[in-house]
N, C-alpha and C. Protein backbone atom coordinates (compact mmCIF):
# COMPACT_ATOMS: atom_id res chain seq x y z
N MET A 1 -18.91 -2.07 4.13
CA MET A 1 -17.99 -2.94 3.53
C MET A 1 -17.05 -3.26 4.80
N ALA A 2 -16.58 -4.73 4.86
CA ALA A 2 -15.78 -5.04 5.92
C ALA A 2 -14.53 -5.55 5.30
N VAL A 3 -13.54 -5.55 5.79
CA VAL A 3 -12.32 -6.22 5.47
C VAL A 3 -12.17 -7.46 6.23
N ARG A 4 -11.78 -8.56 5.26
CA ARG A 4 -11.72 -9.89 5.90
C ARG A 4 -10.25 -10.22 6.14
N ARG A 5 -9.36 -9.96 5.31
CA ARG A 5 -7.86 -10.10 5.66
C ARG A 5 -7.05 -9.07 4.51
N VAL A 6 -5.78 -9.01 5.01
CA VAL A 6 -4.89 -8.27 4.08
C VAL A 6 -3.71 -9.26 4.11
N MET A 7 -3.24 -9.25 2.90
CA MET A 7 -1.92 -10.20 2.70
C MET A 7 -0.99 -9.51 1.78
N PRO A 8 0.37 -9.73 2.21
CA PRO A 8 1.45 -9.23 1.16
C PRO A 8 1.54 -10.27 -0.02
N VAL A 9 1.86 -9.58 -1.16
CA VAL A 9 2.27 -10.34 -2.31
C VAL A 9 3.59 -10.19 -2.66
N ILE A 10 4.28 -11.24 -2.76
CA ILE A 10 5.67 -11.22 -3.10
C ILE A 10 5.93 -11.81 -4.39
N ARG A 11 6.49 -10.94 -5.35
CA ARG A 11 6.95 -11.45 -6.65
C ARG A 11 8.11 -12.10 -6.76
N SER A 12 8.04 -13.52 -7.13
CA SER A 12 9.44 -14.37 -7.17
C SER A 12 9.21 -15.57 -8.04
N GLU A 13 10.15 -16.14 -8.49
CA GLU A 13 10.21 -17.36 -9.07
C GLU A 13 10.71 -18.57 -8.40
N ALA A 14 11.26 -18.01 -7.08
CA ALA A 14 11.83 -18.89 -6.17
C ALA A 14 10.69 -19.63 -5.42
N VAL A 15 9.64 -20.37 -5.92
CA VAL A 15 8.68 -20.80 -5.13
C VAL A 15 9.21 -21.84 -3.93
N GLN A 16 10.06 -22.81 -4.21
CA GLN A 16 10.35 -23.99 -3.27
C GLN A 16 11.18 -23.23 -2.19
N GLU A 17 12.02 -22.31 -2.44
CA GLU A 17 12.87 -21.48 -1.63
C GLU A 17 12.03 -20.80 -0.51
N ASN A 18 10.89 -20.07 -1.25
CA ASN A 18 9.90 -19.40 -0.18
C ASN A 18 9.12 -20.31 0.72
N ARG A 19 8.69 -21.40 0.06
CA ARG A 19 7.98 -22.13 0.84
C ARG A 19 8.67 -22.89 1.92
N GLU A 20 9.86 -23.11 1.71
CA GLU A 20 10.73 -23.70 2.82
C GLU A 20 11.16 -22.31 3.74
N PHE A 21 11.42 -21.20 3.52
CA PHE A 21 11.87 -20.07 4.30
C PHE A 21 10.57 -19.72 5.14
N TYR A 22 9.44 -19.46 4.62
CA TYR A 22 8.08 -19.18 5.47
C TYR A 22 7.64 -20.25 6.19
N GLY A 23 7.95 -21.52 5.74
CA GLY A 23 7.73 -22.74 6.47
C GLY A 23 8.51 -22.58 7.93
N LEU A 24 9.59 -22.13 7.97
CA LEU A 24 10.39 -21.91 9.21
C LEU A 24 9.64 -21.19 10.17
N LEU A 25 8.67 -20.06 9.75
CA LEU A 25 8.19 -19.32 10.56
C LEU A 25 6.60 -19.64 10.83
N GLY A 26 6.42 -21.08 10.31
CA GLY A 26 5.17 -21.47 10.73
C GLY A 26 3.91 -21.52 9.52
N PHE A 27 4.42 -21.11 8.40
CA PHE A 27 3.48 -21.15 7.10
C PHE A 27 3.44 -22.46 6.48
N GLU A 28 2.21 -22.92 6.01
CA GLU A 28 1.93 -23.76 5.18
C GLU A 28 1.53 -23.49 3.85
N GLU A 29 1.59 -24.34 2.71
CA GLU A 29 1.01 -24.11 1.47
C GLU A 29 -0.36 -24.39 1.63
N VAL A 30 -1.32 -23.49 1.24
CA VAL A 30 -2.77 -23.80 1.22
C VAL A 30 -3.29 -23.77 -0.31
N MET A 31 -2.51 -23.29 -1.09
CA MET A 31 -3.05 -23.20 -2.54
C MET A 31 -1.78 -22.99 -3.37
N ASN A 32 -1.76 -23.68 -4.53
CA ASN A 32 -0.64 -23.38 -5.55
C ASN A 32 -1.33 -23.87 -6.84
N LEU A 33 -1.45 -22.54 -7.67
CA LEU A 33 -1.95 -22.69 -9.24
C LEU A 33 -1.07 -22.70 -10.12
N GLY A 34 0.32 -22.88 -9.75
CA GLY A 34 1.61 -22.68 -10.63
C GLY A 34 2.20 -21.30 -10.86
N TRP A 35 1.22 -20.31 -10.78
CA TRP A 35 1.90 -18.96 -11.07
C TRP A 35 1.45 -18.05 -9.69
N ILE A 36 0.79 -18.75 -8.88
CA ILE A 36 0.67 -18.12 -7.75
C ILE A 36 0.59 -19.03 -6.46
N MET A 37 1.18 -18.95 -5.40
CA MET A 37 1.16 -19.95 -4.23
C MET A 37 0.85 -19.16 -2.93
N MET A 38 -0.08 -19.73 -2.24
CA MET A 38 -0.56 -19.02 -1.16
C MET A 38 -0.08 -19.75 0.23
N LEU A 39 0.56 -19.11 1.07
CA LEU A 39 0.92 -19.84 2.30
C LEU A 39 0.19 -19.04 3.60
N ALA A 40 -0.24 -19.83 4.46
CA ALA A 40 -0.83 -19.52 5.68
C ALA A 40 -0.38 -20.14 6.86
N SER A 41 -0.59 -19.37 7.99
CA SER A 41 -0.27 -19.76 9.30
C SER A 41 -1.10 -20.84 9.75
N SER A 42 -0.56 -22.03 10.33
CA SER A 42 -1.44 -23.10 10.71
C SER A 42 -2.23 -22.73 11.86
N SER A 43 -1.77 -21.82 12.80
CA SER A 43 -2.42 -21.41 13.97
C SER A 43 -3.27 -20.21 13.74
N THR A 44 -3.14 -19.23 12.67
CA THR A 44 -3.99 -18.16 12.42
C THR A 44 -4.22 -18.25 10.82
N PRO A 45 -5.18 -19.17 10.21
CA PRO A 45 -5.27 -19.16 8.72
C PRO A 45 -5.42 -17.82 7.95
N ALA A 46 -5.85 -16.80 8.59
CA ALA A 46 -6.12 -15.57 7.86
C ALA A 46 -4.69 -14.71 7.77
N ALA A 47 -3.69 -15.28 8.42
CA ALA A 47 -2.53 -14.70 8.24
C ALA A 47 -1.72 -15.53 7.09
N GLN A 48 -1.56 -14.66 6.00
CA GLN A 48 -1.15 -15.26 4.74
C GLN A 48 -0.03 -14.40 3.89
N VAL A 49 0.70 -15.16 3.08
CA VAL A 49 1.73 -14.45 2.42
C VAL A 49 1.40 -15.30 1.00
N GLY A 50 1.36 -14.14 -0.18
CA GLY A 50 1.25 -14.72 -1.39
C GLY A 50 2.58 -14.71 -2.17
N ILE A 51 3.00 -15.84 -2.87
CA ILE A 51 4.26 -15.66 -3.83
C ILE A 51 3.75 -15.98 -5.08
N LEU A 52 3.84 -14.71 -6.06
CA LEU A 52 3.56 -14.67 -7.44
C LEU A 52 4.52 -14.51 -8.32
N SER A 53 4.69 -15.35 -9.34
CA SER A 53 5.37 -15.32 -10.47
C SER A 53 5.13 -14.16 -11.34
N GLY A 54 3.87 -14.02 -11.63
CA GLY A 54 3.22 -13.10 -12.40
C GLY A 54 1.66 -13.28 -12.42
N ASP A 55 0.99 -12.41 -12.60
CA ASP A 55 -0.43 -12.53 -12.75
C ASP A 55 -0.94 -13.19 -13.80
N LYS A 56 -2.03 -14.02 -13.84
CA LYS A 56 -2.44 -14.63 -14.91
C LYS A 56 -3.17 -14.06 -15.91
N SER A 57 -4.04 -12.99 -15.46
CA SER A 57 -4.97 -12.20 -16.15
C SER A 57 -4.81 -10.82 -16.10
N ALA A 58 -3.88 -10.28 -15.33
CA ALA A 58 -3.76 -8.98 -15.30
C ALA A 58 -2.30 -8.36 -15.71
N PRO A 59 -2.31 -7.00 -15.97
CA PRO A 59 -1.07 -6.62 -16.69
C PRO A 59 0.11 -6.38 -15.81
N VAL A 60 -0.37 -6.33 -14.46
CA VAL A 60 0.71 -5.99 -13.56
C VAL A 60 0.55 -6.89 -12.34
N THR A 61 1.66 -7.06 -11.42
CA THR A 61 1.69 -8.08 -10.27
C THR A 61 1.18 -6.89 -9.18
N PRO A 62 0.22 -7.45 -8.41
CA PRO A 62 -0.02 -6.63 -7.25
C PRO A 62 0.99 -6.73 -6.03
N ASP A 63 1.10 -5.56 -5.38
CA ASP A 63 1.89 -5.67 -3.97
C ASP A 63 1.10 -6.35 -2.79
N MET A 64 -0.02 -6.17 -2.83
CA MET A 64 -0.94 -6.72 -1.65
C MET A 64 -2.23 -6.99 -2.06
N SER A 65 -2.92 -7.92 -1.33
CA SER A 65 -4.28 -8.39 -1.66
C SER A 65 -5.09 -7.85 -0.36
N VAL A 66 -6.19 -7.28 -0.80
CA VAL A 66 -7.16 -6.96 0.49
C VAL A 66 -8.51 -7.75 0.11
N GLU A 67 -8.94 -8.71 1.02
CA GLU A 67 -10.19 -9.32 0.74
C GLU A 67 -11.22 -8.59 1.59
N VAL A 68 -12.24 -8.16 0.81
CA VAL A 68 -13.40 -7.59 1.43
C VAL A 68 -14.73 -8.27 1.22
N ASP A 69 -15.74 -8.00 1.91
CA ASP A 69 -17.09 -8.77 1.84
C ASP A 69 -18.01 -8.15 0.83
N ASP A 70 -17.50 -7.12 0.44
CA ASP A 70 -18.42 -6.44 -0.84
C ASP A 70 -17.51 -5.90 -2.03
N VAL A 71 -17.05 -6.65 -2.90
CA VAL A 71 -16.06 -6.11 -3.73
C VAL A 71 -16.60 -4.98 -4.88
N ASP A 72 -17.98 -5.10 -5.11
CA ASP A 72 -18.70 -4.24 -5.94
C ASP A 72 -18.62 -2.89 -5.26
N ALA A 73 -18.97 -2.83 -3.99
CA ALA A 73 -18.87 -1.55 -3.37
C ALA A 73 -17.56 -0.85 -3.38
N ALA A 74 -16.55 -1.80 -3.07
CA ALA A 74 -15.15 -1.21 -3.06
C ALA A 74 -14.81 -0.78 -4.36
N TYR A 75 -15.28 -1.44 -5.43
CA TYR A 75 -14.85 -0.84 -6.75
C TYR A 75 -15.53 0.45 -7.07
N ALA A 76 -16.80 0.53 -6.70
CA ALA A 76 -17.48 1.90 -6.95
C ALA A 76 -16.97 2.97 -6.02
N LEU A 77 -16.66 2.74 -4.83
CA LEU A 77 -15.93 3.73 -4.01
C LEU A 77 -14.54 4.27 -4.79
N MET A 78 -13.75 3.10 -5.02
CA MET A 78 -12.31 3.52 -5.68
C MET A 78 -12.59 4.28 -7.08
N ARG A 79 -13.56 3.78 -7.78
CA ARG A 79 -13.67 4.43 -9.08
C ARG A 79 -14.08 5.74 -8.92
N ASP A 80 -15.20 6.12 -8.13
CA ASP A 80 -15.85 7.53 -7.83
C ASP A 80 -14.79 8.34 -7.08
N SER A 81 -13.94 7.67 -6.40
CA SER A 81 -12.86 8.81 -5.80
C SER A 81 -11.88 9.30 -6.76
N GLY A 82 -11.70 8.64 -8.10
CA GLY A 82 -10.78 8.87 -8.87
C GLY A 82 -9.56 8.29 -8.88
N ALA A 83 -9.35 7.14 -8.07
CA ALA A 83 -8.25 6.32 -7.95
C ALA A 83 -8.11 5.76 -9.43
N GLU A 84 -6.85 5.41 -9.51
CA GLU A 84 -6.52 4.71 -10.85
C GLU A 84 -6.52 3.06 -10.85
N ILE A 85 -7.70 2.72 -11.64
CA ILE A 85 -8.05 1.34 -11.60
C ILE A 85 -7.07 0.84 -12.73
N VAL A 86 -6.14 -0.24 -12.34
CA VAL A 86 -5.20 -0.99 -12.99
C VAL A 86 -5.67 -2.05 -13.57
N HIS A 87 -6.71 -2.81 -13.19
CA HIS A 87 -7.39 -4.02 -13.66
C HIS A 87 -8.78 -4.01 -13.42
N PRO A 88 -9.58 -4.03 -14.41
CA PRO A 88 -11.00 -3.85 -14.26
C PRO A 88 -11.79 -4.87 -13.29
N LEU A 89 -12.73 -4.66 -12.73
CA LEU A 89 -13.57 -5.76 -11.86
C LEU A 89 -13.92 -6.84 -12.71
N GLN A 90 -13.73 -7.94 -12.35
CA GLN A 90 -14.13 -9.16 -13.25
C GLN A 90 -13.97 -10.45 -12.25
N ASP A 91 -14.86 -11.40 -12.62
CA ASP A 91 -14.72 -12.67 -12.08
C ASP A 91 -13.74 -13.42 -12.82
N GLU A 92 -12.82 -14.06 -11.77
CA GLU A 92 -11.74 -15.12 -12.59
C GLU A 92 -12.01 -16.61 -12.41
N GLU A 93 -11.40 -17.22 -13.07
CA GLU A 93 -11.84 -18.60 -13.24
C GLU A 93 -11.45 -19.39 -11.97
N TRP A 94 -10.37 -18.86 -11.11
CA TRP A 94 -9.97 -19.55 -9.95
C TRP A 94 -10.89 -19.31 -8.77
N GLY A 95 -12.02 -18.43 -8.99
CA GLY A 95 -13.14 -18.50 -7.93
C GLY A 95 -13.05 -17.00 -7.17
N VAL A 96 -12.40 -15.90 -7.78
CA VAL A 96 -12.63 -14.61 -7.17
C VAL A 96 -13.15 -13.66 -8.02
N ARG A 97 -13.65 -12.70 -7.40
CA ARG A 97 -14.18 -11.49 -8.18
C ARG A 97 -13.15 -10.37 -7.46
N ARG A 98 -12.40 -9.60 -8.55
CA ARG A 98 -11.42 -8.66 -8.13
C ARG A 98 -11.17 -7.49 -9.29
N PHE A 99 -10.48 -6.64 -8.73
CA PHE A 99 -9.90 -5.52 -9.30
C PHE A 99 -8.61 -5.08 -8.88
N PHE A 100 -7.79 -4.37 -9.60
CA PHE A 100 -6.67 -3.66 -8.99
C PHE A 100 -6.76 -2.05 -9.10
N VAL A 101 -6.15 -1.48 -8.04
CA VAL A 101 -6.12 -0.23 -7.83
C VAL A 101 -4.65 0.35 -7.43
N ARG A 102 -4.41 1.55 -7.83
CA ARG A 102 -3.04 2.02 -7.46
C ARG A 102 -3.26 2.98 -6.13
N ASP A 103 -2.56 2.65 -5.25
CA ASP A 103 -2.60 3.52 -3.96
C ASP A 103 -1.79 4.73 -4.12
N PRO A 104 -1.81 5.64 -3.32
CA PRO A 104 -1.13 7.06 -3.37
C PRO A 104 0.58 6.80 -3.48
N ASN A 105 0.95 5.78 -3.12
CA ASN A 105 2.55 5.32 -3.17
C ASN A 105 2.99 4.77 -4.31
N GLY A 106 1.70 4.54 -5.15
CA GLY A 106 2.15 3.88 -6.44
C GLY A 106 2.09 2.28 -6.49
N ARG A 107 1.79 1.75 -5.43
CA ARG A 107 1.52 0.30 -4.94
C ARG A 107 0.36 0.03 -5.86
N VAL A 108 0.32 -1.24 -6.19
CA VAL A 108 -0.95 -2.04 -6.78
C VAL A 108 -1.51 -2.83 -5.69
N VAL A 109 -2.86 -2.64 -5.51
CA VAL A 109 -3.70 -3.39 -4.64
C VAL A 109 -4.53 -4.28 -5.26
N ASN A 110 -4.52 -5.58 -4.96
CA ASN A 110 -5.71 -6.69 -5.65
C ASN A 110 -6.93 -6.53 -4.48
N VAL A 111 -7.99 -5.94 -4.95
CA VAL A 111 -9.09 -6.10 -4.04
C VAL A 111 -10.05 -7.04 -4.37
N LEU A 112 -10.51 -8.04 -3.72
CA LEU A 112 -11.07 -9.29 -4.00
C LEU A 112 -11.98 -9.83 -3.09
N ARG A 113 -12.90 -10.46 -3.36
CA ARG A 113 -14.02 -11.27 -2.83
C ARG A 113 -14.03 -12.79 -3.40
N HIS A 114 -13.97 -13.68 -2.61
CA HIS A 114 -14.06 -15.06 -3.11
C HIS A 114 -15.83 -15.29 -3.53
N LEU A 115 -15.72 -15.96 -4.51
CA LEU A 115 -16.98 -16.37 -5.10
C LEU A 115 -17.72 -17.35 -4.58
């Protein structure tokens, strides 16, 4: 299994303010579903920040996202290790397959693969 990108997720209702602030650092809006906005570096597209007002289908808001090439394998590894699965593995209508797991620090990690 390979990691494709790692991205912090910031919970905030201040969408416009975040777009402007991170824009000063070279980030541009690349996706906006209303409840989540993705900002990416124009020079390094895999460098991204997510701004999230609340997750659409999960009971908690993740603290970070990790995109992997095999989310089913990642899920099996986490489940078999005894890690707390916070949101089950499932396909989402916006084109990702994902699950949430809690790390040893109590942070929620969104592990995903694009469909």
